[in-house]
Amino acid sequence: MQPVAIPNALPPAGHYSPGVVHNGFVFVSGQLPIVPEQAEHRIGTIEEQTEQCLRNVERVLVAAGSSLNQCVQMTIYISDGELWGRVNAAYATVLGAHRPARAVVPVKELHFGYQIEIQAVGVVAG
């Protein structure tokens, strides 16, 4: 197993790796819609949060030698089922024709007041 290091990124705040490569796959830890270069936690719309989560997932995938197009599975945690249509539309905009396997899990609340978190698995090139 090899932990993923993201160039120029701050280390995780907890005891985990942003991703782990093993046996041809990269397992991406849950990504909140935190903008890496910003100190404050700006919430934004659910569409903005969804896109930022996916960009954060993408950063880990790319650092591991993968990409969003090589993602085979995602788990999306949302704090309100009523947001699902908007999340799905933003998700489809970012991913285009690519459709990884996916699960959606409603949760009560997420860290920093965010409404979404995305976890993923991708294939590592090579």
N, C-alpha and C. Protein backbone atom coordinates (compact mmCIF):
# COMPACT_ATOMS: atom_id res chain seq x y z
N MET A 1 0.85 -1.18 0.00
CA MET A 1 0.00 0.00 0.00
C MET A 1 0.88 1.23 0.00
N GLN A 2 0.47 2.22 -0.78
CA GLN A 2 1.24 3.45 -0.89
C GLN A 2 0.33 4.66 -0.67
N PRO A 3 0.59 5.47 0.36
CA PRO A 3 -0.23 6.67 0.56
C PRO A 3 0.01 7.67 -0.58
N VAL A 4 -1.02 8.43 -0.90
CA VAL A 4 -0.94 9.44 -1.96
C VAL A 4 -0.52 10.76 -1.34
N ALA A 5 0.50 11.38 -1.92
CA ALA A 5 0.93 12.71 -1.50
C ALA A 5 0.50 13.69 -2.58
N ILE A 6 -0.18 14.75 -2.18
CA ILE A 6 -0.63 15.77 -3.13
C ILE A 6 0.38 16.91 -3.09
N PRO A 7 1.00 17.22 -4.23
CA PRO A 7 1.99 18.30 -4.26
C PRO A 7 1.42 19.63 -3.75
N ASN A 8 2.18 20.32 -2.93
CA ASN A 8 1.84 21.64 -2.39
C ASN A 8 0.57 21.66 -1.52
N ALA A 9 0.14 20.52 -1.04
CA ALA A 9 -1.05 20.47 -0.19
C ALA A 9 -0.64 20.41 1.28
N LEU A 10 -1.46 20.99 2.12
CA LEU A 10 -1.25 20.86 3.56
C LEU A 10 -1.50 19.42 3.96
N PRO A 11 -0.85 18.94 4.99
CA PRO A 11 -1.12 17.57 5.44
C PRO A 11 -2.54 17.46 5.99
N PRO A 12 -3.14 16.28 5.95
CA PRO A 12 -4.49 16.11 6.50
C PRO A 12 -4.54 16.51 7.97
N ALA A 13 -5.68 17.01 8.39
CA ALA A 13 -5.86 17.45 9.78
C ALA A 13 -6.04 16.27 10.74
N GLY A 14 -6.39 15.12 10.21
CA GLY A 14 -6.60 13.94 11.04
C GLY A 14 -5.62 12.83 10.69
N HIS A 15 -5.83 11.68 11.31
CA HIS A 15 -4.95 10.52 11.13
C HIS A 15 -5.44 9.68 9.94
N TYR A 16 -5.17 10.16 8.72
CA TYR A 16 -5.57 9.45 7.51
C TYR A 16 -4.74 9.97 6.34
N SER A 17 -4.82 9.28 5.21
CA SER A 17 -4.19 9.72 3.97
C SER A 17 -5.29 10.19 3.03
N PRO A 18 -5.01 11.19 2.19
CA PRO A 18 -6.03 11.62 1.22
C PRO A 18 -6.40 10.49 0.26
N GLY A 19 -5.46 9.61 0.03
CA GLY A 19 -5.71 8.45 -0.82
C GLY A 19 -4.66 7.40 -0.58
N VAL A 20 -4.99 6.18 -0.97
CA VAL A 20 -4.06 5.06 -0.84
C VAL A 20 -4.12 4.26 -2.14
N VAL A 21 -2.94 3.97 -2.71
CA VAL A 21 -2.86 3.14 -3.91
C VAL A 21 -2.56 1.72 -3.48
N HIS A 22 -3.34 0.79 -4.03
CA HIS A 22 -3.11 -0.62 -3.72
C HIS A 22 -3.67 -1.47 -4.85
N ASN A 23 -2.84 -2.37 -5.34
CA ASN A 23 -3.29 -3.38 -6.29
C ASN A 23 -3.95 -2.79 -7.54
N GLY A 24 -3.44 -1.67 -8.04
CA GLY A 24 -3.96 -1.07 -9.26
C GLY A 24 -5.12 -0.12 -9.07
N PHE A 25 -5.49 0.14 -7.84
CA PHE A 25 -6.58 1.06 -7.54
C PHE A 25 -6.10 2.16 -6.61
N VAL A 26 -6.75 3.31 -6.68
CA VAL A 26 -6.54 4.37 -5.70
C VAL A 26 -7.86 4.56 -4.96
N PHE A 27 -7.77 4.52 -3.65
CA PHE A 27 -8.92 4.69 -2.77
C PHE A 27 -8.84 6.10 -2.20
N VAL A 28 -9.80 6.94 -2.55
CA VAL A 28 -9.78 8.35 -2.17
C VAL A 28 -10.64 8.55 -0.93
N SER A 29 -10.03 9.13 0.10
CA SER A 29 -10.78 9.46 1.32
C SER A 29 -11.88 10.46 1.00
N GLY A 30 -12.90 10.51 1.85
CA GLY A 30 -13.99 11.46 1.67
C GLY A 30 -13.46 12.88 1.54
N GLN A 31 -13.93 13.57 0.51
CA GLN A 31 -13.49 14.93 0.24
C GLN A 31 -14.64 15.90 0.46
N LEU A 32 -14.41 16.86 1.33
CA LEU A 32 -15.36 17.95 1.56
C LEU A 32 -15.12 19.02 0.50
N PRO A 33 -16.04 19.97 0.36
CA PRO A 33 -15.84 21.03 -0.64
C PRO A 33 -14.93 22.16 -0.16
N ILE A 34 -13.86 21.81 0.49
CA ILE A 34 -12.89 22.80 0.97
C ILE A 34 -12.05 23.26 -0.22
N VAL A 35 -11.91 24.56 -0.38
CA VAL A 35 -11.05 25.11 -1.43
C VAL A 35 -9.63 25.09 -0.85
N PRO A 36 -8.74 24.33 -1.47
CA PRO A 36 -7.41 24.13 -0.88
C PRO A 36 -6.65 25.41 -0.55
N GLU A 37 -6.80 26.46 -1.32
CA GLU A 37 -6.03 27.68 -1.10
C GLU A 37 -6.70 28.65 -0.13
N GLN A 38 -7.86 28.31 0.38
CA GLN A 38 -8.59 29.22 1.27
C GLN A 38 -8.55 28.73 2.71
N ALA A 39 -8.35 29.65 3.62
CA ALA A 39 -8.31 29.31 5.05
C ALA A 39 -9.72 29.17 5.62
N GLU A 40 -10.65 30.02 5.16
CA GLU A 40 -12.00 29.95 5.72
C GLU A 40 -12.84 28.90 5.00
N HIS A 41 -13.87 28.44 5.67
CA HIS A 41 -14.76 27.42 5.12
C HIS A 41 -16.00 28.10 4.56
N ARG A 42 -15.93 28.48 3.30
CA ARG A 42 -17.05 29.11 2.62
C ARG A 42 -18.00 28.01 2.14
N ILE A 43 -19.26 28.12 2.49
CA ILE A 43 -20.21 27.07 2.17
C ILE A 43 -20.63 27.10 0.70
N GLY A 44 -21.16 28.19 0.20
CA GLY A 44 -21.59 28.26 -1.20
C GLY A 44 -22.83 27.42 -1.46
N THR A 45 -23.26 27.40 -2.72
CA THR A 45 -24.45 26.62 -3.10
C THR A 45 -24.11 25.14 -3.13
N ILE A 46 -25.11 24.30 -3.18
CA ILE A 46 -24.86 22.87 -3.25
C ILE A 46 -24.19 22.51 -4.57
N GLU A 47 -24.48 23.26 -5.62
CA GLU A 47 -23.81 23.02 -6.90
C GLU A 47 -22.32 23.33 -6.79
N GLU A 48 -21.99 24.45 -6.16
CA GLU A 48 -20.58 24.81 -5.95
C GLU A 48 -19.88 23.79 -5.06
N GLN A 49 -20.57 23.34 -4.03
CA GLN A 49 -20.00 22.35 -3.13
C GLN A 49 -19.74 21.03 -3.87
N THR A 50 -20.69 20.62 -4.69
CA THR A 50 -20.54 19.37 -5.45
C THR A 50 -19.34 19.45 -6.38
N GLU A 51 -19.24 20.55 -7.13
CA GLU A 51 -18.11 20.70 -8.05
C GLU A 51 -16.78 20.73 -7.30
N GLN A 52 -16.72 21.43 -6.17
CA GLN A 52 -15.47 21.50 -5.41
C GLN A 52 -15.09 20.14 -4.85
N CYS A 53 -16.06 19.38 -4.35
CA CYS A 53 -15.77 18.02 -3.89
C CYS A 53 -15.16 17.19 -5.01
N LEU A 54 -15.78 17.27 -6.19
CA LEU A 54 -15.27 16.49 -7.33
C LEU A 54 -13.88 16.96 -7.74
N ARG A 55 -13.60 18.24 -7.68
CA ARG A 55 -12.26 18.75 -8.00
C ARG A 55 -11.24 18.26 -6.96
N ASN A 56 -11.68 18.17 -5.71
CA ASN A 56 -10.79 17.66 -4.65
C ASN A 56 -10.53 16.17 -4.85
N VAL A 57 -11.56 15.42 -5.21
CA VAL A 57 -11.38 14.00 -5.55
C VAL A 57 -10.40 13.88 -6.71
N GLU A 58 -10.60 14.73 -7.71
CA GLU A 58 -9.73 14.71 -8.90
C GLU A 58 -8.27 14.96 -8.53
N ARG A 59 -8.01 15.90 -7.63
CA ARG A 59 -6.63 16.19 -7.20
C ARG A 59 -5.95 14.94 -6.64
N VAL A 60 -6.68 14.19 -5.84
CA VAL A 60 -6.11 12.97 -5.26
C VAL A 60 -5.90 11.92 -6.35
N LEU A 61 -6.91 11.76 -7.20
CA LEU A 61 -6.79 10.78 -8.29
C LEU A 61 -5.58 11.08 -9.17
N VAL A 62 -5.43 12.33 -9.58
CA VAL A 62 -4.32 12.73 -10.45
C VAL A 62 -2.98 12.52 -9.75
N ALA A 63 -2.90 12.87 -8.48
CA ALA A 63 -1.65 12.67 -7.73
C ALA A 63 -1.27 11.20 -7.66
N ALA A 64 -2.27 10.32 -7.78
CA ALA A 64 -2.02 8.88 -7.72
C ALA A 64 -1.79 8.27 -9.10
N GLY A 65 -1.91 9.08 -10.16
CA GLY A 65 -1.75 8.54 -11.51
C GLY A 65 -3.05 8.09 -12.13
N SER A 66 -4.16 8.64 -11.67
CA SER A 66 -5.48 8.29 -12.18
C SER A 66 -6.18 9.57 -12.64
N SER A 67 -7.49 9.53 -12.81
CA SER A 67 -8.26 10.70 -13.22
C SER A 67 -9.74 10.45 -12.94
N LEU A 68 -10.55 11.48 -13.11
CA LEU A 68 -12.00 11.31 -12.94
C LEU A 68 -12.53 10.29 -13.95
N ASN A 69 -11.98 10.27 -15.16
CA ASN A 69 -12.44 9.31 -16.17
C ASN A 69 -12.05 7.88 -15.86
N GLN A 70 -11.12 7.69 -14.92
CA GLN A 70 -10.73 6.35 -14.50
C GLN A 70 -11.36 5.98 -13.17
N CYS A 71 -12.26 6.82 -12.70
CA CYS A 71 -12.97 6.54 -11.46
C CYS A 71 -14.00 5.44 -11.71
N VAL A 72 -14.00 4.42 -10.86
CA VAL A 72 -14.93 3.31 -11.04
C VAL A 72 -16.07 3.31 -10.03
N GLN A 73 -15.91 4.07 -8.93
CA GLN A 73 -16.96 4.08 -7.91
C GLN A 73 -16.87 5.35 -7.10
N MET A 74 -18.04 5.91 -6.77
CA MET A 74 -18.11 7.06 -5.86
C MET A 74 -19.22 6.83 -4.85
N THR A 75 -18.97 7.33 -3.66
CA THR A 75 -20.00 7.37 -2.62
C THR A 75 -20.20 8.82 -2.26
N ILE A 76 -21.45 9.26 -2.34
CA ILE A 76 -21.79 10.66 -2.08
C ILE A 76 -22.62 10.71 -0.80
N TYR A 77 -22.17 11.50 0.14
CA TYR A 77 -22.89 11.72 1.38
C TYR A 77 -23.53 13.10 1.30
N ILE A 78 -24.85 13.18 1.47
CA ILE A 78 -25.53 14.48 1.45
C ILE A 78 -26.35 14.64 2.71
N SER A 79 -26.41 15.88 3.16
CA SER A 79 -27.09 16.17 4.44
C SER A 79 -28.59 16.35 4.29
N ASP A 80 -29.11 16.40 3.07
CA ASP A 80 -30.54 16.59 2.86
C ASP A 80 -30.93 15.98 1.53
N GLY A 81 -31.79 14.98 1.56
CA GLY A 81 -32.24 14.30 0.34
C GLY A 81 -32.89 15.24 -0.66
N GLU A 82 -33.43 16.35 -0.18
CA GLU A 82 -34.06 17.32 -1.08
C GLU A 82 -33.05 17.95 -2.04
N LEU A 83 -31.78 17.89 -1.72
CA LEU A 83 -30.73 18.47 -2.56
C LEU A 83 -30.33 17.55 -3.71
N TRP A 84 -30.82 16.32 -3.71
CA TRP A 84 -30.30 15.32 -4.62
C TRP A 84 -30.38 15.73 -6.09
N GLY A 85 -31.46 16.29 -6.56
CA GLY A 85 -31.58 16.69 -7.96
C GLY A 85 -30.52 17.70 -8.36
N ARG A 86 -30.26 18.65 -7.52
CA ARG A 86 -29.24 19.67 -7.79
C ARG A 86 -27.84 19.08 -7.76
N VAL A 87 -27.60 18.18 -6.81
CA VAL A 87 -26.30 17.49 -6.73
C VAL A 87 -26.09 16.67 -7.99
N ASN A 88 -27.09 15.91 -8.38
CA ASN A 88 -26.97 15.05 -9.55
C ASN A 88 -26.70 15.86 -10.82
N ALA A 89 -27.34 17.01 -10.96
CA ALA A 89 -27.12 17.86 -12.14
C ALA A 89 -25.69 18.40 -12.17
N ALA A 90 -25.19 18.87 -11.04
CA ALA A 90 -23.82 19.38 -10.97
C ALA A 90 -22.82 18.25 -11.21
N TYR A 91 -23.07 17.10 -10.65
CA TYR A 91 -22.23 15.92 -10.82
C TYR A 91 -22.15 15.54 -12.30
N ALA A 92 -23.30 15.51 -12.98
CA ALA A 92 -23.35 15.16 -14.40
C ALA A 92 -22.60 16.19 -15.24
N THR A 93 -22.66 17.45 -14.87
CA THR A 93 -21.94 18.50 -15.60
C THR A 93 -20.44 18.27 -15.53
N VAL A 94 -19.93 17.94 -14.36
CA VAL A 94 -18.49 17.72 -14.19
C VAL A 94 -18.04 16.41 -14.85
N LEU A 95 -18.80 15.34 -14.66
CA LEU A 95 -18.37 14.03 -15.15
C LEU A 95 -18.75 13.77 -16.60
N GLY A 96 -19.66 14.54 -17.16
CA GLY A 96 -20.04 14.34 -18.56
C GLY A 96 -20.60 12.95 -18.80
N ALA A 97 -20.11 12.28 -19.84
CA ALA A 97 -20.63 10.97 -20.22
C ALA A 97 -20.13 9.84 -19.31
N HIS A 98 -19.08 10.09 -18.54
CA HIS A 98 -18.53 9.05 -17.66
C HIS A 98 -19.48 8.79 -16.50
N ARG A 99 -19.78 7.52 -16.26
CA ARG A 99 -20.74 7.14 -15.21
C ARG A 99 -20.18 6.03 -14.32
N PRO A 100 -19.40 6.40 -13.31
CA PRO A 100 -18.92 5.36 -12.39
C PRO A 100 -20.08 4.79 -11.56
N ALA A 101 -19.85 3.63 -10.99
CA ALA A 101 -20.82 3.10 -10.03
C ALA A 101 -20.94 4.11 -8.90
N ARG A 102 -22.12 4.20 -8.28
CA ARG A 102 -22.31 5.27 -7.31
C ARG A 102 -23.32 4.86 -6.24
N ALA A 103 -23.08 5.34 -5.04
CA ALA A 103 -24.04 5.21 -3.95
C ALA A 103 -24.26 6.60 -3.36
N VAL A 104 -25.47 6.85 -2.91
CA VAL A 104 -25.80 8.12 -2.26
C VAL A 104 -26.28 7.78 -0.85
N VAL A 105 -25.65 8.41 0.13
CA VAL A 105 -25.96 8.10 1.52
C VAL A 105 -26.42 9.38 2.22
N PRO A 106 -27.68 9.44 2.65
CA PRO A 106 -28.12 10.60 3.42
C PRO A 106 -27.51 10.54 4.82
N VAL A 107 -27.03 11.68 5.28
CA VAL A 107 -26.45 11.79 6.62
C VAL A 107 -27.06 12.97 7.34
N LYS A 108 -26.93 12.99 8.65
CA LYS A 108 -27.52 14.07 9.43
C LYS A 108 -26.80 15.39 9.22
N GLU A 109 -25.48 15.39 9.40
CA GLU A 109 -24.70 16.61 9.22
C GLU A 109 -23.28 16.26 8.88
N LEU A 110 -22.58 17.21 8.27
CA LEU A 110 -21.19 17.02 7.88
C LEU A 110 -20.32 18.10 8.52
N HIS A 111 -19.03 17.86 8.53
CA HIS A 111 -18.06 18.77 9.14
C HIS A 111 -18.16 20.18 8.56
N PHE A 112 -17.98 21.20 9.38
CA PHE A 112 -17.96 22.62 9.02
C PHE A 112 -19.28 23.12 8.43
N GLY A 113 -20.36 22.36 8.54
CA GLY A 113 -21.64 22.80 8.00
C GLY A 113 -21.82 22.53 6.52
N TYR A 114 -20.89 21.79 5.89
CA TYR A 114 -21.04 21.46 4.49
C TYR A 114 -22.20 20.50 4.30
N GLN A 115 -22.70 20.42 3.07
CA GLN A 115 -23.86 19.59 2.78
C GLN A 115 -23.52 18.34 1.97
N ILE A 116 -22.25 18.19 1.59
CA ILE A 116 -21.86 17.06 0.74
C ILE A 116 -20.41 16.66 1.02
N GLU A 117 -20.16 15.37 0.86
CA GLU A 117 -18.81 14.80 0.93
C GLU A 117 -18.77 13.66 -0.08
N ILE A 118 -17.66 13.52 -0.80
CA ILE A 118 -17.56 12.47 -1.83
C ILE A 118 -16.30 11.65 -1.61
N GLN A 119 -16.48 10.34 -1.65
CA GLN A 119 -15.41 9.35 -1.52
C GLN A 119 -15.35 8.60 -2.86
N ALA A 120 -14.17 8.12 -3.28
CA ALA A 120 -14.08 7.51 -4.61
C ALA A 120 -13.03 6.40 -4.67
N VAL A 121 -13.14 5.60 -5.73
CA VAL A 121 -12.15 4.59 -6.06
C VAL A 121 -11.85 4.75 -7.55
N GLY A 122 -10.56 4.80 -7.90
CA GLY A 122 -10.16 4.92 -9.30
C GLY A 122 -9.14 3.88 -9.67
N VAL A 123 -9.01 3.65 -10.96
CA VAL A 123 -8.00 2.74 -11.49
C VAL A 123 -6.73 3.57 -11.72
N VAL A 124 -5.60 3.01 -11.33
CA VAL A 124 -4.32 3.68 -11.53
C VAL A 124 -3.73 3.22 -12.86
N ALA A 125 -3.36 4.18 -13.70
CA ALA A 125 -2.77 3.87 -15.00
C ALA A 125 -1.45 3.14 -14.81
N GLY A 126 -1.16 2.28 -15.75
CA GLY A 126 0.15 1.62 -15.70
C GLY A 126 0.00 0.20 -15.49
